[in-house]
Amino acid sequence: MLKLADRLAARTIPVRVLWPDGKPVAEANVWLSQVNDPTAVVATAVGHTATDGTFDLVGLEDIDYVLHADKYAGLARVSCAKNVLVPARGPVAQGVELSLTITDFDVCKKSDFEKPAEVGPQE
């Protein structure tokens, strides 16, 4: 008899994208990839931030993700944030904040990531 494993629960990952001066970035592209495949978009879905720079991405519990954000501003001009690891275990910050900087397109294509600062429990 074949028994399927329990289905993984959905997990909301709140994101806020800002410019270096702290102003929100509207219409920024935000997406998740799995750590073991950091160039593939999870569920082939890229979200776009609201006027306040926020968007809730949805992943699954027990999976490590890499969080990405960028915004295009014309031919060969792009702003991107450093990719951030969202660990499978532990609370997600009340909003993972990413800061965009205008840079070279090749810089934004990198798939490396940083571990976010430790956060306290969610309320």
N, C-alpha and C. Protein backbone atom coordinates (compact mmCIF):
# COMPACT_ATOMS: atom_id res chain seq x y z
N MET A 1 0.85 -1.17 0.00
CA MET A 1 0.00 0.00 0.00
C MET A 1 0.90 1.24 0.00
N LEU A 2 0.56 2.18 -0.83
CA LEU A 2 1.31 3.42 -0.95
C LEU A 2 0.60 4.50 -0.16
N LYS A 3 1.35 5.17 0.72
CA LYS A 3 0.76 6.24 1.52
C LYS A 3 1.50 7.52 1.21
N LEU A 4 0.76 8.55 0.85
CA LEU A 4 1.37 9.84 0.56
C LEU A 4 1.66 10.58 1.86
N ALA A 5 2.72 11.33 1.85
CA ALA A 5 3.07 12.15 3.01
C ALA A 5 2.02 13.25 3.19
N ASP A 6 1.94 13.76 4.42
CA ASP A 6 1.03 14.87 4.67
C ASP A 6 1.41 16.06 3.80
N ARG A 7 0.42 16.80 3.42
CA ARG A 7 0.64 17.98 2.60
C ARG A 7 1.29 19.08 3.45
N LEU A 8 2.26 19.79 2.88
CA LEU A 8 2.91 20.88 3.61
C LEU A 8 1.96 22.07 3.71
N ALA A 9 2.00 22.75 4.85
CA ALA A 9 1.15 23.91 5.08
C ALA A 9 1.71 25.12 4.33
N ALA A 10 0.81 25.99 3.91
CA ALA A 10 1.23 27.24 3.25
C ALA A 10 1.86 28.16 4.28
N ARG A 11 2.76 28.99 3.82
CA ARG A 11 3.48 29.93 4.69
C ARG A 11 3.51 31.29 4.00
N THR A 12 3.04 32.32 4.69
CA THR A 12 3.06 33.67 4.14
C THR A 12 4.37 34.35 4.51
N ILE A 13 5.00 34.97 3.53
CA ILE A 13 6.27 35.68 3.74
C ILE A 13 6.04 37.13 3.34
N PRO A 14 5.80 38.00 4.34
CA PRO A 14 5.55 39.42 4.03
C PRO A 14 6.85 40.12 3.63
N VAL A 15 6.77 40.91 2.56
CA VAL A 15 7.94 41.58 2.02
C VAL A 15 7.65 43.08 1.91
N ARG A 16 8.68 43.87 2.15
CA ARG A 16 8.58 45.32 1.95
C ARG A 16 9.84 45.76 1.22
N VAL A 17 9.66 46.42 0.08
CA VAL A 17 10.80 46.85 -0.74
C VAL A 17 10.91 48.37 -0.65
N LEU A 18 12.13 48.84 -0.35
CA LEU A 18 12.37 50.26 -0.15
C LEU A 18 13.53 50.74 -1.02
N TRP A 19 13.52 52.05 -1.32
CA TRP A 19 14.69 52.69 -1.92
C TRP A 19 15.68 52.97 -0.80
N PRO A 20 16.94 53.24 -1.10
CA PRO A 20 17.93 53.52 -0.06
C PRO A 20 17.54 54.67 0.88
N ASP A 21 16.71 55.61 0.39
CA ASP A 21 16.28 56.72 1.24
C ASP A 21 15.08 56.37 2.12
N GLY A 22 14.64 55.10 2.07
CA GLY A 22 13.54 54.64 2.92
C GLY A 22 12.16 54.76 2.31
N LYS A 23 12.04 55.33 1.11
CA LYS A 23 10.74 55.45 0.45
C LYS A 23 10.34 54.09 -0.15
N PRO A 24 9.04 53.76 -0.10
CA PRO A 24 8.61 52.47 -0.65
C PRO A 24 8.74 52.41 -2.17
N VAL A 25 8.96 51.20 -2.67
CA VAL A 25 9.07 50.97 -4.11
C VAL A 25 7.78 50.30 -4.59
N ALA A 26 7.01 51.02 -5.38
CA ALA A 26 5.79 50.46 -5.98
C ALA A 26 6.17 49.67 -7.22
N GLU A 27 5.43 48.62 -7.47
CA GLU A 27 5.60 47.79 -8.68
C GLU A 27 6.97 47.13 -8.79
N ALA A 28 7.63 46.88 -7.65
CA ALA A 28 8.87 46.10 -7.69
C ALA A 28 8.51 44.63 -7.92
N ASN A 29 9.36 43.91 -8.60
CA ASN A 29 9.17 42.47 -8.80
C ASN A 29 9.70 41.75 -7.57
N VAL A 30 8.92 40.85 -7.00
CA VAL A 30 9.36 40.06 -5.85
C VAL A 30 9.00 38.60 -6.11
N TRP A 31 9.93 37.70 -5.73
CA TRP A 31 9.67 36.28 -5.95
C TRP A 31 10.54 35.44 -5.04
N LEU A 32 10.16 34.18 -4.95
CA LEU A 32 10.90 33.19 -4.16
C LEU A 32 11.51 32.16 -5.10
N SER A 33 12.64 31.61 -4.66
CA SER A 33 13.20 30.42 -5.30
C SER A 33 13.64 29.50 -4.17
N GLN A 34 13.75 28.23 -4.45
CA GLN A 34 14.24 27.31 -3.44
C GLN A 34 15.76 27.40 -3.38
N VAL A 35 16.32 27.20 -2.19
CA VAL A 35 17.77 27.30 -2.00
C VAL A 35 18.50 26.35 -2.94
N ASN A 36 17.95 25.16 -3.16
CA ASN A 36 18.64 24.18 -4.01
C ASN A 36 18.50 24.48 -5.50
N ASP A 37 17.70 25.49 -5.87
CA ASP A 37 17.56 25.90 -7.26
C ASP A 37 17.27 27.41 -7.29
N PRO A 38 18.26 28.26 -6.94
CA PRO A 38 18.02 29.69 -6.74
C PRO A 38 17.70 30.50 -7.99
N THR A 39 17.76 29.89 -9.17
CA THR A 39 17.41 30.64 -10.38
C THR A 39 16.00 30.34 -10.87
N ALA A 40 15.33 29.35 -10.31
CA ALA A 40 13.96 29.01 -10.72
C ALA A 40 12.95 29.70 -9.80
N VAL A 41 11.95 30.31 -10.38
CA VAL A 41 10.91 30.99 -9.62
C VAL A 41 9.91 29.96 -9.10
N VAL A 42 9.62 30.01 -7.79
CA VAL A 42 8.65 29.09 -7.20
C VAL A 42 7.28 29.34 -7.82
N ALA A 43 6.64 28.29 -8.26
CA ALA A 43 5.30 28.33 -8.86
C ALA A 43 5.24 29.26 -10.08
N THR A 44 6.38 29.55 -10.66
CA THR A 44 6.50 30.45 -11.81
C THR A 44 5.74 31.75 -11.62
N ALA A 45 5.65 32.24 -10.37
CA ALA A 45 4.89 33.45 -10.07
C ALA A 45 5.79 34.55 -9.50
N VAL A 46 5.80 35.69 -10.18
CA VAL A 46 6.48 36.88 -9.68
C VAL A 46 5.39 37.85 -9.27
N GLY A 47 5.49 38.35 -8.02
CA GLY A 47 4.51 39.32 -7.53
C GLY A 47 5.03 40.74 -7.74
N HIS A 48 4.16 41.71 -7.53
CA HIS A 48 4.51 43.11 -7.68
C HIS A 48 4.03 43.88 -6.46
N THR A 49 4.92 44.67 -5.89
CA THR A 49 4.58 45.39 -4.67
C THR A 49 3.52 46.46 -4.91
N ALA A 50 2.77 46.75 -3.85
CA ALA A 50 1.76 47.81 -3.87
C ALA A 50 2.46 49.16 -3.73
N THR A 51 1.70 50.24 -3.72
CA THR A 51 2.28 51.58 -3.61
C THR A 51 3.06 51.78 -2.32
N ASP A 52 2.74 51.00 -1.28
CA ASP A 52 3.48 51.10 -0.02
C ASP A 52 4.70 50.18 0.02
N GLY A 53 5.01 49.53 -1.11
CA GLY A 53 6.19 48.68 -1.21
C GLY A 53 6.02 47.28 -0.65
N THR A 54 4.79 46.88 -0.31
CA THR A 54 4.58 45.58 0.32
C THR A 54 3.95 44.56 -0.62
N PHE A 55 4.21 43.30 -0.31
CA PHE A 55 3.59 42.17 -1.01
C PHE A 55 3.77 40.95 -0.13
N ASP A 56 2.75 40.09 -0.06
CA ASP A 56 2.85 38.84 0.68
C ASP A 56 3.09 37.70 -0.29
N LEU A 57 4.28 37.10 -0.21
CA LEU A 57 4.58 35.92 -1.01
C LEU A 57 4.11 34.68 -0.26
N VAL A 58 3.78 33.63 -0.98
CA VAL A 58 3.32 32.40 -0.36
C VAL A 58 4.24 31.26 -0.75
N GLY A 59 4.74 30.59 0.27
CA GLY A 59 5.57 29.41 0.07
C GLY A 59 4.98 28.27 0.89
N LEU A 60 5.79 27.28 1.17
CA LEU A 60 5.38 26.14 1.99
C LEU A 60 6.27 26.03 3.21
N GLU A 61 5.71 25.51 4.30
CA GLU A 61 6.49 25.25 5.51
C GLU A 61 7.60 24.24 5.19
N ASP A 62 8.65 24.27 5.96
CA ASP A 62 9.75 23.30 5.88
C ASP A 62 10.58 23.37 4.61
N ILE A 63 10.53 24.51 3.91
CA ILE A 63 11.36 24.68 2.72
C ILE A 63 12.14 25.98 2.87
N ASP A 64 13.46 25.91 2.65
CA ASP A 64 14.30 27.11 2.65
C ASP A 64 14.12 27.82 1.32
N TYR A 65 13.89 29.14 1.39
CA TYR A 65 13.70 29.94 0.18
C TYR A 65 14.74 31.04 0.09
N VAL A 66 14.95 31.52 -1.13
CA VAL A 66 15.72 32.73 -1.37
C VAL A 66 14.72 33.76 -1.87
N LEU A 67 14.73 34.94 -1.23
CA LEU A 67 13.83 36.03 -1.59
C LEU A 67 14.56 36.99 -2.51
N HIS A 68 13.91 37.36 -3.62
CA HIS A 68 14.50 38.23 -4.63
C HIS A 68 13.60 39.46 -4.84
N ALA A 69 14.21 40.59 -5.20
CA ALA A 69 13.44 41.78 -5.57
C ALA A 69 14.25 42.60 -6.58
N ASP A 70 13.54 43.12 -7.58
CA ASP A 70 14.18 44.03 -8.53
C ASP A 70 13.13 44.91 -9.18
N LYS A 71 13.60 45.91 -9.92
CA LYS A 71 12.71 46.80 -10.65
C LYS A 71 13.49 47.34 -11.85
N TYR A 72 12.88 47.24 -13.02
CA TYR A 72 13.52 47.71 -14.24
C TYR A 72 13.13 49.16 -14.49
N ALA A 73 14.09 49.95 -14.99
CA ALA A 73 13.86 51.37 -15.24
C ALA A 73 14.38 51.75 -16.62
N GLY A 74 14.01 50.99 -17.60
CA GLY A 74 14.47 51.29 -18.95
C GLY A 74 15.54 50.32 -19.41
N LEU A 75 15.98 50.52 -20.60
CA LEU A 75 16.94 49.63 -21.24
C LEU A 75 18.24 49.51 -20.44
N ALA A 76 18.58 48.30 -20.05
CA ALA A 76 19.82 47.97 -19.34
C ALA A 76 19.97 48.66 -17.98
N ARG A 77 18.90 49.25 -17.46
CA ARG A 77 18.95 49.85 -16.12
C ARG A 77 18.04 49.03 -15.22
N VAL A 78 18.58 48.65 -14.12
CA VAL A 78 17.81 47.83 -13.20
C VAL A 78 18.22 48.17 -11.77
N SER A 79 17.28 48.04 -10.87
CA SER A 79 17.57 48.17 -9.45
C SER A 79 17.28 46.83 -8.83
N CYS A 80 18.16 46.39 -7.94
CA CYS A 80 17.90 45.11 -7.30
C CYS A 80 18.37 45.14 -5.85
N ALA A 81 17.86 44.22 -5.08
CA ALA A 81 18.25 44.07 -3.68
C ALA A 81 19.13 42.83 -3.57
N LYS A 82 19.93 42.77 -2.51
CA LYS A 82 20.67 41.54 -2.24
C LYS A 82 19.65 40.46 -1.92
N ASN A 83 19.84 39.28 -2.48
CA ASN A 83 18.95 38.16 -2.20
C ASN A 83 19.07 37.77 -0.73
N VAL A 84 17.95 37.36 -0.13
CA VAL A 84 17.91 37.05 1.29
C VAL A 84 17.39 35.63 1.50
N LEU A 85 18.04 34.89 2.38
CA LEU A 85 17.58 33.56 2.75
C LEU A 85 16.39 33.67 3.71
N VAL A 86 15.33 32.92 3.42
CA VAL A 86 14.20 32.79 4.33
C VAL A 86 14.22 31.34 4.80
N PRO A 87 14.75 31.10 6.02
CA PRO A 87 14.91 29.72 6.49
C PRO A 87 13.57 29.01 6.70
N ALA A 88 13.59 27.70 6.54
CA ALA A 88 12.39 26.88 6.69
C ALA A 88 11.84 26.92 8.11
N ARG A 89 12.71 27.02 9.06
CA ARG A 89 12.31 27.00 10.48
C ARG A 89 12.42 28.39 11.08
N GLY A 90 11.59 28.65 12.07
CA GLY A 90 11.65 29.92 12.77
C GLY A 90 10.69 30.94 12.18
N PRO A 91 10.43 32.00 12.93
CA PRO A 91 9.47 33.00 12.47
C PRO A 91 10.02 33.85 11.32
N VAL A 92 9.09 34.34 10.51
CA VAL A 92 9.45 35.28 9.45
C VAL A 92 9.22 36.66 10.03
N ALA A 93 10.13 37.57 9.75
CA ALA A 93 9.99 38.94 10.26
C ALA A 93 8.63 39.49 9.86
N GLN A 94 8.16 40.48 10.60
CA GLN A 94 6.87 41.10 10.31
C GLN A 94 6.82 41.62 8.88
N GLY A 95 7.93 41.75 8.29
CA GLY A 95 8.05 42.15 6.90
C GLY A 95 9.53 42.14 6.58
N VAL A 96 9.95 41.25 5.73
CA VAL A 96 11.36 41.21 5.35
C VAL A 96 11.58 42.46 4.49
N GLU A 97 12.48 43.34 4.92
CA GLU A 97 12.73 44.57 4.18
C GLU A 97 13.94 44.40 3.27
N LEU A 98 13.76 44.80 2.02
CA LEU A 98 14.82 44.76 1.03
C LEU A 98 15.03 46.16 0.49
N SER A 99 16.27 46.56 0.31
CA SER A 99 16.59 47.88 -0.21
C SER A 99 17.15 47.73 -1.63
N LEU A 100 16.50 48.42 -2.58
CA LEU A 100 16.95 48.37 -3.98
C LEU A 100 18.04 49.40 -4.23
N THR A 101 18.99 49.05 -5.06
CA THR A 101 20.00 49.99 -5.52
C THR A 101 20.13 49.86 -7.04
N ILE A 102 20.34 50.97 -7.72
CA ILE A 102 20.50 50.96 -9.17
C ILE A 102 21.88 50.39 -9.48
N THR A 103 21.91 49.43 -10.38
CA THR A 103 23.17 48.74 -10.64
C THR A 103 23.18 48.15 -12.04
N ASP A 104 24.21 47.44 -12.33
CA ASP A 104 24.42 46.74 -13.59
C ASP A 104 23.52 45.50 -13.64
N PHE A 105 22.96 45.21 -14.81
CA PHE A 105 22.05 44.07 -14.95
C PHE A 105 22.69 42.76 -14.50
N ASP A 106 23.97 42.55 -14.81
CA ASP A 106 24.64 41.30 -14.44
C ASP A 106 24.69 41.10 -12.93
N VAL A 107 24.78 42.18 -12.17
CA VAL A 107 24.79 42.07 -10.71
C VAL A 107 23.47 41.48 -10.23
N CYS A 108 22.38 41.90 -10.83
CA CYS A 108 21.06 41.43 -10.41
C CYS A 108 20.79 39.98 -10.79
N LYS A 109 21.55 39.43 -11.71
CA LYS A 109 21.34 38.05 -12.12
C LYS A 109 22.01 37.05 -11.18
N LYS A 110 22.81 37.52 -10.23
CA LYS A 110 23.50 36.61 -9.32
C LYS A 110 22.50 35.88 -8.44
N SER A 111 22.83 34.65 -8.07
CA SER A 111 21.90 33.85 -7.27
C SER A 111 22.38 33.64 -5.84
N ASP A 112 23.48 34.30 -5.42
CA ASP A 112 23.92 34.15 -4.04
C ASP A 112 22.95 34.89 -3.12
N PHE A 113 23.04 34.62 -1.83
CA PHE A 113 22.09 35.23 -0.89
C PHE A 113 22.73 35.43 0.46
N GLU A 114 22.09 36.29 1.26
CA GLU A 114 22.53 36.57 2.62
C GLU A 114 21.52 36.00 3.60
N LYS A 115 22.00 35.64 4.78
CA LYS A 115 21.11 35.21 5.84
C LYS A 115 20.61 36.47 6.54
N PRO A 116 19.28 36.60 6.74
CA PRO A 116 18.77 37.82 7.40
C PRO A 116 19.17 37.88 8.86
N ALA A 117 19.11 39.07 9.44
CA ALA A 117 19.39 39.25 10.87
C ALA A 117 18.36 38.46 11.65
N GLU A 118 18.75 37.98 12.82
CA GLU A 118 17.82 37.24 13.67
C GLU A 118 16.66 38.14 14.04
N VAL A 119 15.46 37.56 14.06
CA VAL A 119 14.26 38.32 14.41
C VAL A 119 13.59 37.69 15.61
N GLY A 120 12.84 38.49 16.32
CA GLY A 120 12.09 37.98 17.46
C GLY A 120 10.82 37.31 17.01
N PRO A 121 10.08 36.71 17.95
CA PRO A 121 8.84 36.03 17.60
C PRO A 121 7.79 37.02 17.08
N GLN A 122 6.95 36.53 16.16
CA GLN A 122 5.87 37.36 15.65
C GLN A 122 4.78 37.51 16.72
N GLU A 123 4.11 38.65 16.66
CA GLU A 123 3.01 38.85 17.61
C GLU A 123 1.70 38.53 16.96
